[in-house]
Amino acid sequence: MMQKREYHYLVAGLPDIVIGQGKVNLKVADFKEELREFLHPDDFRLVEMLFLRFDNINLLNLLKKSDEPWDMMGNFSPEKMAQGLDDNDAGLPNYLVAFAAAYRADTPIVGSMTWENQLAKLYYEYVLSKSTGFLHEWFTFERDLKNLLTAISIRRHGLSLHGQLVGQNDVTAAINKRNLRDFGLANEYPYLEKLLKIEEQPNILERERTITQLKWDYLEELNTFNYFTIDKILGFLLKLISYERWAMLEPAEGKAIFEQKIVSMEHSLVFPKEFEL
């Protein structure tokens, strides 16, 4: 096994991040460019994988001809995205090209799922096939966590699970087959009991803040013995991305936007993308 590269200077200069406390004078966009300059190209490609979620949102808005502004957190500009959809050699990940082709032809990849969930399915298949170690563990955790939260929310609202879960694995199989409170998964997923209690929290903002902290705790656990490697940097970057999104809630206008979104999503299963990790 090849030894991982170490970035002592970069890691030593990373600030501590705590949700709702202090101010981090580091912007995600600036940090990404710093990483582009200082990381080995192979390691920076791992960084780019963390930003594909924003490319997913941009692609959906492009295909739907939405008026939503282009999220500059993505890896591809509007021009690069358009070029990539027309030219398979333009560097766009193949799952984005495949999804766009299916959407434009109105031929669903999975007929029982929304377009958003179909894209999520392709995305997780792609990143899990391209990642190992820390990053693979993180994407697996993130996918399973989203599925568990979706299942708990659907059960609370008395809705159907059909087409709502992403992927086929032990977690989705257990959710689909078992009516137990913990889906029979508590032993394999120690954080599940905490999730069940979190979902009982009536304050949506506090609920999502607690879920974010749970994710951060998992990142710290994954990186327990990673000190100066790319894994430590990736873990910090994931926290910084969500910290920057949550920071929008601090100004009065940010809180007003959040309250408007809460009203619009009262009966929705999806928390606003602005506050996802």
C-alpha atoms as a PDB file:
ATOM      1  CA  MET A   1       0.000   0.000   0.000  1.00  0.00           C
ATOM      2  CA  MET A   2       1.436   3.350  -1.050  1.00  0.00           C
ATOM      3  CA  GLN A   3       2.068   5.788   1.786  1.00  0.00           C
ATOM      4  CA  LYS A   4      -0.105   8.871   1.665  1.00  0.00           C
ATOM      5  CA  ARG A   5       1.422  12.268   1.020  1.00  0.00           C
ATOM      6  CA  GLU A   6       1.638  14.557   4.031  1.00  0.00           C
ATOM      7  CA  TYR A   7       0.904  18.282   4.079  1.00  0.00           C
ATOM      8  CA  HIS A   8       2.315  19.494   7.392  1.00  0.00           C
ATOM      9  CA  TYR A   9       2.144  23.221   6.618  1.00  0.00           C
ATOM     10  CA  LEU A  10      -1.445  23.118   5.342  1.00  0.00           C
ATOM     11  CA  VAL A  11      -2.830  21.020   8.199  1.00  0.00           C
ATOM     12  CA  ALA A  12      -0.966  22.961  10.905  1.00  0.00           C
ATOM     13  CA  GLY A  13      -2.624  26.168   9.695  1.00  0.00           C
ATOM     14  CA  LEU A  14      -6.214  24.885   9.727  1.00  0.00           C
ATOM     15  CA  PRO A  15      -8.431  26.785  12.208  1.00  0.00           C
ATOM     16  CA  ASP A  16     -10.835  25.130  14.624  1.00  0.00           C
ATOM     17  CA  ILE A  17     -14.483  25.229  13.541  1.00  0.00           C
ATOM     18  CA  VAL A  18     -17.430  25.097  15.944  1.00  0.00           C
ATOM     19  CA  ILE A  19     -21.039  25.458  14.835  1.00  0.00           C
ATOM     20  CA  GLY A  20     -22.495  28.741  16.017  1.00  0.00           C
ATOM     21  CA  GLN A  21     -19.345  29.839  17.848  1.00  0.00           C
ATOM     22  CA  GLY A  22     -16.666  32.250  16.723  1.00  0.00           C
ATOM     23  CA  LYS A  23     -15.922  33.337  13.191  1.00  0.00           C
ATOM     24  CA  VAL A  24     -13.713  31.503  10.718  1.00  0.00           C
ATOM     25  CA  ASN A  25     -11.950  33.942   8.408  1.00  0.00           C
ATOM     26  CA  LEU A  26     -11.582  31.424   5.634  1.00  0.00           C
ATOM     27  CA  LYS A  27     -13.845  31.150   2.605  1.00  0.00           C
ATOM     28  CA  VAL A  28     -14.467  27.829   0.914  1.00  0.00           C
ATOM     29  CA  ALA A  29     -13.733  29.249  -2.534  1.00  0.00           C
ATOM     30  CA  ASP A  30     -10.395  30.694  -1.376  1.00  0.00           C
ATOM     31  CA  PHE A  31      -9.420  27.494   0.407  1.00  0.00           C
ATOM     32  CA  LYS A  32     -10.268  25.427  -2.667  1.00  0.00           C
ATOM     33  CA  GLU A  33      -7.932  27.555  -4.786  1.00  0.00           C
ATOM     34  CA  GLU A  34      -5.211  27.245  -2.166  1.00  0.00           C
ATOM     35  CA  LEU A  35      -5.589  23.475  -2.296  1.00  0.00           C
ATOM     36  CA  ARG A  36      -5.466  23.550  -6.087  1.00  0.00           C
ATOM     37  CA  GLU A  37      -2.079  25.226  -5.803  1.00  0.00           C
ATOM     38  CA  PHE A  38      -0.500  23.167  -3.048  1.00  0.00           C
ATOM     39  CA  LEU A  39      -1.950  19.646  -3.344  1.00  0.00           C
ATOM     40  CA  HIS A  40      -0.690  16.907  -5.615  1.00  0.00           C
ATOM     41  CA  PRO A  41      -3.049  16.681  -8.655  1.00  0.00           C
ATOM     42  CA  ASP A  42      -4.255  13.221  -7.594  1.00  0.00           C
ATOM     43  CA  ASP A  43      -5.191  14.560  -4.152  1.00  0.00           C
ATOM     44  CA  PHE A  44      -6.898  17.632  -5.594  1.00  0.00           C
ATOM     45  CA  ARG A  45      -9.112  15.343  -7.678  1.00  0.00           C
ATOM     46  CA  LEU A  46     -10.428  14.008  -4.370  1.00  0.00           C
ATOM     47  CA  VAL A  47     -11.202  17.573  -3.318  1.00  0.00           C
ATOM     48  CA  GLU A  48     -13.181  18.089  -6.519  1.00  0.00           C
ATOM     49  CA  MET A  49     -15.317  15.065  -5.685  1.00  0.00           C
ATOM     50  CA  LEU A  50     -16.628  16.917  -2.629  1.00  0.00           C
ATOM     51  CA  PHE A  51     -17.934  19.705  -4.859  1.00  0.00           C
ATOM     52  CA  LEU A  52     -19.813  17.452  -7.288  1.00  0.00           C
ATOM     53  CA  ARG A  53     -22.963  17.867  -5.178  1.00  0.00           C
ATOM     54  CA  PHE A  54     -23.081  21.490  -6.337  1.00  0.00           C
ATOM     55  CA  ASP A  55     -22.607  20.397  -9.950  1.00  0.00           C
ATOM     56  CA  ASN A  56     -25.627  18.126  -9.428  1.00  0.00           C
ATOM     57  CA  ILE A  57     -27.750  21.090  -8.360  1.00  0.00           C
ATOM     58  CA  ASN A  58     -26.488  23.211 -11.249  1.00  0.00           C
ATOM     59  CA  LEU A  59     -27.223  20.470 -13.775  1.00  0.00           C
ATOM     60  CA  LEU A  60     -30.769  20.014 -12.503  1.00  0.00           C
ATOM     61  CA  ASN A  61     -31.400  23.763 -12.686  1.00  0.00           C
ATOM     62  CA  LEU A  62     -29.913  23.863 -16.198  1.00  0.00           C
ATOM     63  CA  LEU A  63     -32.078  20.996 -17.453  1.00  0.00           C
ATOM     64  CA  LYS A  64     -35.209  22.407 -15.820  1.00  0.00           C
ATOM     65  CA  LYS A  65     -34.420  25.866 -17.235  1.00  0.00           C
ATOM     66  CA  SER A  66     -34.689  27.208 -13.696  1.00  0.00           C
ATOM     67  CA  ASP A  67     -34.050  30.838 -12.789  1.00  0.00           C
ATOM     68  CA  GLU A  68     -31.925  29.767  -9.806  1.00  0.00           C
ATOM     69  CA  PRO A  69     -28.463  31.372  -9.887  1.00  0.00           C
ATOM     70  CA  TRP A  70     -25.514  29.182 -10.825  1.00  0.00           C
ATOM     71  CA  ASP A  71     -23.816  27.862  -7.700  1.00  0.00           C
ATOM     72  CA  MET A  72     -20.161  28.796  -8.087  1.00  0.00           C
ATOM     73  CA  MET A  73     -19.203  26.099  -5.570  1.00  0.00           C
ATOM     74  CA  GLY A  74     -19.449  23.574  -8.382  1.00  0.00           C
ATOM     75  CA  ASN A  75     -16.466  22.372 -10.385  1.00  0.00           C
ATOM     76  CA  PHE A  76     -17.923  23.430 -13.739  1.00  0.00           C
ATOM     77  CA  SER A  77     -18.965  26.816 -15.076  1.00  0.00           C
ATOM     78  CA  PRO A  78     -22.189  27.080 -17.114  1.00  0.00           C
ATOM     79  CA  GLU A  79     -20.091  27.039 -20.287  1.00  0.00           C
ATOM     80  CA  LYS A  80     -18.083  23.980 -19.230  1.00  0.00           C
ATOM     81  CA  MET A  81     -21.229  22.152 -18.163  1.00  0.00           C
ATOM     82  CA  ALA A  82     -22.973  22.849 -21.482  1.00  0.00           C
ATOM     83  CA  GLN A  83     -19.870  21.831 -23.418  1.00  0.00           C
ATOM     84  CA  GLY A  84     -19.486  18.669 -21.372  1.00  0.00           C
ATOM     85  CA  LEU A  85     -23.037  17.561 -22.088  1.00  0.00           C
ATOM     86  CA  ASP A  86     -22.382  17.844 -25.818  1.00  0.00           C
ATOM     87  CA  ASP A  87     -18.823  16.510 -25.790  1.00  0.00           C
ATOM     88  CA  ASN A  88     -18.010  13.415 -23.749  1.00  0.00           C
ATOM     89  CA  ASP A  89     -14.319  14.324 -23.857  1.00  0.00           C
ATOM     90  CA  ALA A  90     -14.817  17.651 -22.076  1.00  0.00           C
ATOM     91  CA  GLY A  91     -14.110  16.231 -18.609  1.00  0.00           C
ATOM     92  CA  LEU A  92     -17.629  16.011 -17.214  1.00  0.00           C
ATOM     93  CA  PRO A  93     -18.171  12.914 -15.018  1.00  0.00           C
ATOM     94  CA  ASN A  94     -19.995  10.232 -16.972  1.00  0.00           C
ATOM     95  CA  TYR A  95     -22.897  10.046 -14.515  1.00  0.00           C
ATOM     96  CA  LEU A  96     -23.804  13.692 -15.233  1.00  0.00           C
ATOM     97  CA  VAL A  97     -23.746  13.052 -18.983  1.00  0.00           C
ATOM     98  CA  ALA A  98     -25.867   9.902 -18.599  1.00  0.00           C
ATOM     99  CA  PHE A  99     -28.387  11.669 -16.400  1.00  0.00           C
ATOM    100  CA  ALA A 100     -28.720  14.637 -18.757  1.00  0.00           C
ATOM    101  CA  ALA A 101     -29.283  12.306 -21.717  1.00  0.00           C
ATOM    102  CA  ALA A 102     -32.009  10.421 -19.840  1.00  0.00           C
ATOM    103  CA  TYR A 103     -33.674  13.657 -18.696  1.00  0.00           C
ATOM    104  CA  ARG A 104     -33.689  15.201 -22.166  1.00  0.00           C
ATOM    105  CA  ALA A 105     -35.089  12.024 -23.704  1.00  0.00           C
ATOM    106  CA  ASP A 106     -37.643  11.756 -20.891  1.00  0.00           C
ATOM    107  CA  THR A 107     -36.569   8.154 -20.312  1.00  0.00           C
ATOM    108  CA  PRO A 108     -36.124   7.729 -16.545  1.00  0.00           C
ATOM    109  CA  ILE A 109     -33.224   5.605 -15.377  1.00  0.00           C
ATOM    110  CA  VAL A 110     -35.432   4.368 -12.522  1.00  0.00           C
ATOM    111  CA  GLY A 111     -39.078   4.946 -13.319  1.00  0.00           C
ATOM    112  CA  SER A 112     -40.313   4.963  -9.726  1.00  0.00           C
ATOM    113  CA  MET A 113     -37.977   7.736  -8.583  1.00  0.00           C
ATOM    114  CA  THR A 114     -37.995  11.495  -8.936  1.00  0.00           C
ATOM    115  CA  TRP A 115     -35.327  12.977 -11.194  1.00  0.00           C
ATOM    116  CA  GLU A 116     -33.585  14.342  -8.100  1.00  0.00           C
ATOM    117  CA  ASN A 117     -33.395  10.887  -6.532  1.00  0.00           C
ATOM    118  CA  GLN A 118     -32.252   9.327  -9.792  1.00  0.00           C
ATOM    119  CA  LEU A 119     -29.389  11.808  -9.957  1.00  0.00           C
ATOM    120  CA  ALA A 120     -28.542  11.099  -6.309  1.00  0.00           C
ATOM    121  CA  LYS A 121     -28.439   7.379  -7.110  1.00  0.00           C
ATOM    122  CA  LEU A 122     -26.017   7.907  -9.998  1.00  0.00           C
ATOM    123  CA  TYR A 123     -23.935  10.331  -7.932  1.00  0.00           C
ATOM    124  CA  TYR A 124     -23.390   7.929  -5.041  1.00  0.00           C
ATOM    125  CA  GLU A 125     -22.643   5.051  -7.385  1.00  0.00           C
ATOM    126  CA  TYR A 126     -20.025   7.230  -9.060  1.00  0.00           C
ATOM    127  CA  VAL A 127     -18.281   8.635  -5.976  1.00  0.00           C
ATOM    128  CA  LEU A 128     -18.251   5.272  -4.218  1.00  0.00           C
ATOM    129  CA  SER A 129     -16.687   3.650  -7.282  1.00  0.00           C
ATOM    130  CA  LYS A 130     -14.006   6.355  -7.450  1.00  0.00           C
ATOM    131  CA  SER A 131     -13.079   6.574  -3.764  1.00  0.00           C
ATOM    132  CA  THR A 132     -11.263   4.467  -1.173  1.00  0.00           C
ATOM    133  CA  GLY A 133     -10.446   4.734   2.521  1.00  0.00           C
ATOM    134  CA  PHE A 134     -11.629   7.870   4.309  1.00  0.00           C
ATOM    135  CA  LEU A 135     -13.575   9.297   1.387  1.00  0.00           C
ATOM    136  CA  HIS A 136     -15.316   5.993   0.624  1.00  0.00           C
ATOM    137  CA  GLU A 137     -16.277   5.652   4.281  1.00  0.00           C
ATOM    138  CA  TRP A 138     -17.630   9.205   4.312  1.00  0.00           C
ATOM    139  CA  PHE A 139     -19.751   8.834   1.169  1.00  0.00           C
ATOM    140  CA  THR A 140     -21.134   5.528   2.480  1.00  0.00           C
ATOM    141  CA  PHE A 141     -22.019   7.145   5.807  1.00  0.00           C
ATOM    142  CA  GLU A 142     -23.598  10.159   4.100  1.00  0.00           C
ATOM    143  CA  ARG A 143     -25.743   8.003   1.802  1.00  0.00           C
ATOM    144  CA  ASP A 144     -26.878   5.729   4.641  1.00  0.00           C
ATOM    145  CA  LEU A 145     -27.589   8.684   6.916  1.00  0.00           C
ATOM    146  CA  LYS A 146     -29.743  10.357   4.263  1.00  0.00           C
ATOM    147  CA  ASN A 147     -31.675   7.121   3.723  1.00  0.00           C
ATOM    148  CA  LEU A 148     -32.262   6.636   7.453  1.00  0.00           C
ATOM    149  CA  LEU A 149     -33.399  10.243   7.919  1.00  0.00           C
ATOM    150  CA  THR A 150     -35.703   9.911   4.918  1.00  0.00           C
ATOM    151  CA  ALA A 151     -37.198   6.678   6.266  1.00  0.00           C
ATOM    152  CA  ILE A 152     -37.748   8.151   9.735  1.00  0.00           C
ATOM    153  CA  SER A 153     -39.356  11.288   8.280  1.00  0.00           C
ATOM    154  CA  ILE A 154     -41.584   9.311   5.918  1.00  0.00           C
ATOM    155  CA  ARG A 155     -42.748   7.095   8.766  1.00  0.00           C
ATOM    156  CA  ARG A 156     -43.515  10.157  10.888  1.00  0.00           C
ATOM    157  CA  HIS A 157     -45.661  11.632   8.110  1.00  0.00           C
ATOM    158  CA  GLY A 158     -47.311   8.326   7.190  1.00  0.00           C
ATOM    159  CA  LEU A 159     -46.107   8.443   3.577  1.00  0.00           C
ATOM    160  CA  SER A 160     -44.870   5.793   1.149  1.00  0.00           C
ATOM    161  CA  LEU A 161     -41.216   4.762   0.913  1.00  0.00           C
ATOM    162  CA  HIS A 162     -41.595   3.826  -2.746  1.00  0.00           C
ATOM    163  CA  GLY A 163     -38.853   5.468  -4.807  1.00  0.00           C
ATOM    164  CA  GLN A 164     -37.496   7.495  -1.878  1.00  0.00           C
ATOM    165  CA  LEU A 165     -34.383   5.521  -0.895  1.00  0.00           C
ATOM    166  CA  VAL A 166     -31.118   5.815  -2.798  1.00  0.00           C
ATOM    167  CA  GLY A 167     -29.107   2.682  -3.537  1.00  0.00           C
ATOM    168  CA  GLN A 168     -29.521  -0.992  -2.740  1.00  0.00           C
ATOM    169  CA  ASN A 169     -27.644  -2.196   0.310  1.00  0.00           C
ATOM    170  CA  ASP A 170     -28.162  -3.626   3.782  1.00  0.00           C
ATOM    171  CA  VAL A 171     -29.578  -0.351   5.076  1.00  0.00           C
ATOM    172  CA  THR A 172     -32.213   0.064   2.369  1.00  0.00           C
ATOM    173  CA  ALA A 173     -33.097  -3.631   2.563  1.00  0.00           C
ATOM    174  CA  ALA A 174     -33.667  -3.399   6.318  1.00  0.00           C
ATOM    175  CA  ILE A 175     -35.701  -0.210   5.996  1.00  0.00           C
ATOM    176  CA  ASN A 176     -37.935  -1.775   3.343  1.00  0.00           C
ATOM    177  CA  LYS A 177     -38.490  -5.079   5.168  1.00  0.00           C
ATOM    178  CA  ARG A 178     -38.669  -4.259   8.867  1.00  0.00           C
ATOM    179  CA  ASN A 179     -41.261  -2.277  10.784  1.00  0.00           C
ATOM    180  CA  LEU A 180     -39.145  -2.046  13.928  1.00  0.00           C
ATOM    181  CA  ARG A 181     -38.522   1.387  15.442  1.00  0.00           C
ATOM    182  CA  ASP A 182     -34.818   1.132  14.632  1.00  0.00           C
ATOM    183  CA  PHE A 183     -35.324  -1.008  11.490  1.00  0.00           C
ATOM    184  CA  GLY A 184     -33.244  -3.689  13.238  1.00  0.00           C
ATOM    185  CA  LEU A 185     -30.089  -1.666  12.515  1.00  0.00           C
ATOM    186  CA  ALA A 186     -29.205  -0.212  15.930  1.00  0.00           C
ATOM    187  CA  ASN A 187     -26.347  -2.658  16.549  1.00  0.00           C
ATOM    188  CA  GLU A 188     -24.688  -1.926  13.200  1.00  0.00           C
ATOM    189  CA  TYR A 189     -25.300   1.842  13.353  1.00  0.00           C
ATOM    190  CA  PRO A 190     -24.712   3.176  16.891  1.00  0.00           C
ATOM    191  CA  TYR A 191     -25.801   6.690  15.881  1.00  0.00           C
ATOM    192  CA  LEU A 192     -29.292   5.481  14.889  1.00  0.00           C
ATOM    193  CA  GLU A 193     -30.762   5.897  18.369  1.00  0.00           C
ATOM    194  CA  LYS A 194     -29.518   9.481  18.379  1.00  0.00           C
ATOM    195  CA  LEU A 195     -31.168  10.029  14.975  1.00  0.00           C
ATOM    196  CA  LEU A 196     -34.481   8.758  16.285  1.00  0.00           C
ATOM    197  CA  LYS A 197     -34.306  11.210  19.183  1.00  0.00           C
ATOM    198  CA  ILE A 198     -33.192  14.046  16.923  1.00  0.00           C
ATOM    199  CA  GLU A 199     -36.249  13.570  14.727  1.00  0.00           C
ATOM    200  CA  GLU A 200     -38.462  14.091  17.774  1.00  0.00           C
ATOM    201  CA  GLN A 201     -37.019  17.603  18.179  1.00  0.00           C
ATOM    202  CA  PRO A 202     -39.836  20.059  17.225  1.00  0.00           C
ATOM    203  CA  ASN A 203     -37.458  22.905  16.369  1.00  0.00           C
ATOM    204  CA  ILE A 204     -36.322  22.223  12.800  1.00  0.00           C
ATOM    205  CA  LEU A 205     -33.323  24.514  13.015  1.00  0.00           C
ATOM    206  CA  GLU A 206     -32.027  22.825  16.177  1.00  0.00           C
ATOM    207  CA  ARG A 207     -32.730  19.433  14.671  1.00  0.00           C
ATOM    208  CA  GLU A 208     -30.610  20.164  11.626  1.00  0.00           C
ATOM    209  CA  ARG A 209     -27.889  21.721  13.736  1.00  0.00           C
ATOM    210  CA  THR A 210     -27.717  18.523  15.802  1.00  0.00           C
ATOM    211  CA  ILE A 211     -27.564  16.388  12.662  1.00  0.00           C
ATOM    212  CA  THR A 212     -24.709  18.534  11.377  1.00  0.00           C
ATOM    213  CA  GLN A 213     -22.839  18.018  14.652  1.00  0.00           C
ATOM    214  CA  LEU A 214     -23.397  14.265  14.356  1.00  0.00           C
ATOM    215  CA  LYS A 215     -21.776  14.378  10.902  1.00  0.00           C
ATOM    216  CA  TRP A 216     -18.856  16.399  12.212  1.00  0.00           C
ATOM    217  CA  ASP A 217     -18.356  13.931  15.061  1.00  0.00           C
ATOM    218  CA  TYR A 218     -18.217  11.121  12.517  1.00  0.00           C
ATOM    219  CA  LEU A 219     -15.608  13.007  10.494  1.00  0.00           C
ATOM    220  CA  GLU A 220     -13.481  13.389  13.624  1.00  0.00           C
ATOM    221  CA  GLU A 221     -13.851   9.680  14.333  1.00  0.00           C
ATOM    222  CA  LEU A 222     -12.763   8.764  10.802  1.00  0.00           C
ATOM    223  CA  ASN A 223      -9.708  10.991  11.100  1.00  0.00           C
ATOM    224  CA  THR A 224      -8.638   9.882  14.578  1.00  0.00           C
ATOM    225  CA  PHE A 225      -5.306   8.589  13.310  1.00  0.00           C
ATOM    226  CA  ASN A 226      -4.965  10.795  10.241  1.00  0.00           C
ATOM    227  CA  TYR A 227      -2.694  13.704  11.059  1.00  0.00           C
ATOM    228  CA  PHE A 228      -1.210  15.452   8.032  1.00  0.00           C
ATOM    229  CA  THR A 229      -2.678  13.516   5.102  1.00  0.00           C
ATOM    230  CA  ILE A 230      -5.223  14.473   2.460  1.00  0.00           C
ATOM    231  CA  ASP A 231      -7.875  12.780   4.610  1.00  0.00           C
ATOM    232  CA  LYS A 232      -7.419  15.387   7.342  1.00  0.00           C
ATOM    233  CA  ILE A 233      -7.769  18.139   4.754  1.00  0.00           C
ATOM    234  CA  LEU A 234     -10.875  16.565   3.219  1.00  0.00           C
ATOM    235  CA  GLY A 235     -12.488  16.258   6.658  1.00  0.00           C
ATOM    236  CA  PHE A 236     -11.789  19.912   7.395  1.00  0.00           C
ATOM    237  CA  LEU A 237     -13.113  20.966   3.993  1.00  0.00           C
ATOM    238  CA  LEU A 238     -16.387  19.114   4.554  1.00  0.00           C
ATOM    239  CA  LYS A 239     -16.835  20.940   7.843  1.00  0.00           C
ATOM    240  CA  LEU A 240     -15.906  24.289   6.299  1.00  0.00           C
ATOM    241  CA  ILE A 241     -18.477  23.862   3.502  1.00  0.00           C
ATOM    242  CA  SER A 242     -21.301  23.275   5.971  1.00  0.00           C
ATOM    243  CA  TYR A 243     -20.021  25.981   8.338  1.00  0.00           C
ATOM    244  CA  GLU A 244     -20.165  28.541   5.535  1.00  0.00           C
ATOM    245  CA  ARG A 245     -23.727  27.542   4.690  1.00  0.00           C
ATOM    246  CA  TRP A 246     -24.820  27.734   8.310  1.00  0.00           C
ATOM    247  CA  ALA A 247     -23.145  31.121   8.685  1.00  0.00           C
ATOM    248  CA  MET A 248     -25.868  32.517   6.410  1.00  0.00           C
ATOM    249  CA  LEU A 249     -28.259  32.172   9.353  1.00  0.00           C
ATOM    250  CA  GLU A 250     -26.357  34.638  11.511  1.00  0.00           C
ATOM    251  CA  PRO A 251     -27.457  37.936   9.893  1.00  0.00           C
ATOM    252  CA  ALA A 252     -31.089  38.943  10.311  1.00  0.00           C
ATOM    253  CA  GLU A 253     -31.738  38.549   6.581  1.00  0.00           C
ATOM    254  CA  GLY A 254     -30.331  35.025   6.717  1.00  0.00           C
ATOM    255  CA  LYS A 255     -32.727  34.074   9.480  1.00  0.00           C
ATOM    256  CA  ALA A 256     -35.620  35.591   7.537  1.00  0.00           C
ATOM    257  CA  ILE A 257     -34.720  33.513   4.475  1.00  0.00           C
ATOM    258  CA  PHE A 258     -34.537  30.406   6.628  1.00  0.00           C
ATOM    259  CA  GLU A 259     -37.966  31.074   8.147  1.00  0.00           C
ATOM    260  CA  GLN A 260     -39.462  31.495   4.667  1.00  0.00           C
ATOM    261  CA  LYS A 261     -37.967  28.184   3.594  1.00  0.00           C
ATOM    262  CA  ILE A 262     -39.344  26.462   6.702  1.00  0.00           C
ATOM    263  CA  VAL A 263     -42.851  27.638   5.822  1.00  0.00           C
ATOM    264  CA  SER A 264     -42.485  26.358   2.256  1.00  0.00           C
ATOM    265  CA  MET A 265     -41.171  22.946   3.351  1.00  0.00           C
ATOM    266  CA  GLU A 266     -43.547  22.226   6.231  1.00  0.00           C
ATOM    267  CA  HIS A 267     -44.816  19.103   4.507  1.00  0.00           C
ATOM    268  CA  SER A 268     -41.650  18.336   2.572  1.00  0.00           C
ATOM    269  CA  LEU A 269     -39.187  15.538   3.279  1.00  0.00           C
ATOM    270  CA  VAL A 270     -36.216  17.513   1.978  1.00  0.00           C
ATOM    271  CA  PHE A 271     -34.312  20.021   4.088  1.00  0.00           C
ATOM    272  CA  PRO A 272     -33.105  23.063   2.112  1.00  0.00           C
ATOM    273  CA  LYS A 273     -29.865  22.273   0.240  1.00  0.00           C
ATOM    274  CA  GLU A 274     -28.264  25.440   1.618  1.00  0.00           C
ATOM    275  CA  PHE A 275     -27.785  23.723   4.959  1.00  0.00           C
ATOM    276  CA  GLU A 276     -26.606  20.283   3.908  1.00  0.00           C
ATOM    277  CA  LEU A 277     -23.071  19.283   4.757  1.00  0.00           C
END
